[in-house]
Amino acid sequence: MSAARPELDDSALLGAPGERAAAMRVYAALPSGVHALPLAQAVELLRAARARGGADGVAAAAPSVPLLWIDVANPGEAEAAFLREELGFHPLAVEDTVRGRQRPKLERYAGYLFLVVYAAAVNRERHRMALSELHMFLGERLVVTVHDHRIREVSEVVARWRAAPHLLVDVPTLAHALLDALVDDYFPVLEYLAERTEHFESAVFDGRSTNHTQAILGLRHELVLFRRVVAPVRDLLSTLLRRDLPFISPEMLPYYQDVYDHTIRVTEEIDAQRELLSALLDAQMSAASNQLNQTVRMMTGWSIILMSMAWIAGVYGMNFRFMPELGWRWGYVAALGLMLSVGSALFAYFRRRGWL
């Protein structure tokens, strides 16, 4: 799901030798278009913006400051210090970006918003869903994205911004484009999970396999994880739609409402698939119980047949001297015939009753 890697001169590599390299890429909307900036030049712009922004720092910079996007991959201590000291972000928010494994959320700080969302994709090699955590800082003239793994949606929105800067002119439009791309990519994952659900549904009701319980439980667990990602995003967007939040103009509200509606659709479809999988589990258990009952009835029927024949053989196998038909010439043949007759009669009876 990875996009092509940008040029090396678009990024600055931080981190100590031997550690996992962290890539920091800076883009700015200049009069000539959106261009990648060296990190040193971006730092100078940020310091100047922070000096003009006062207590709120660069996040509330003046409109004369160019619109900046800083994308940080594989953050470490150096990147955390940059976010805290150069950008003035709250230490708790920066700690969340480094530690990861955060629940999707929106937090409001002085001069900026902090968002945690997830990108979803299908891992075809492992036949499962893949989730990637994305942190976003939204200021007056600044967008900062932080993530561990490469996220295709970030590269796509940056490419769109560079190709058509007149369409993405401020932070609300950039944030909407990124959130819209993330939520739209939930639908292919949902379709993939729905295809797997339909496969198990057909297999269970057609009786093409003995047991799908383990696979159905695994798919249901994936849906639970997916819902834990999507449902908070729905609440996050609902908060963004409130008119008391900064940076979002009334003209942008319908666009955020559209993304919010998409999250509702995804959540409802996830719930429908979970209910269907629960029904499939019940059907699987019922089918297994029915098969067990049929097996027990069949074994019981054959046991009765063999027991009846063994009873006759046991009686005639007793070596008593005075025994009926003991000296009869056809006694052996008659005993075999009696056993076969009794067994055949019981077999016909059980077959008529549907036991065999």
Foldseek 3Di string as FASTA:
>chain_A
DFDDDDDPQQWDWDDDPPDDIKTKGKWWQDPVFIDTDHPVVVLVLQVVQQVQQPPLGNLAGDPVRTQMEIEMEQDDPVVLCCCCPSRPDDNVLSVCLNVDPDQFDWDDDRFKIKTKAWAWDADPVVRAIDIWIWIWIHGFRYIYIYTHDHDRLVVVLVVVCRVCVVQVPTRLSSVLSSLLSRLVNVVVVLVSLVVVLVVLVCCLVVVVDQDCLVVLVVSLVRLVVVLSRLVNVLVRLVVVLDPVDPPDDPVCNVSSVVSSVSSVVSNVSSVVSNVSSVVSNVSSVVVNVVVVVLVVLLVVLVVVLVVVLVVLVVVVVDPDPDDPCPVPPCPVVVSVVVSVVSSVVSVVVCVVVVSD
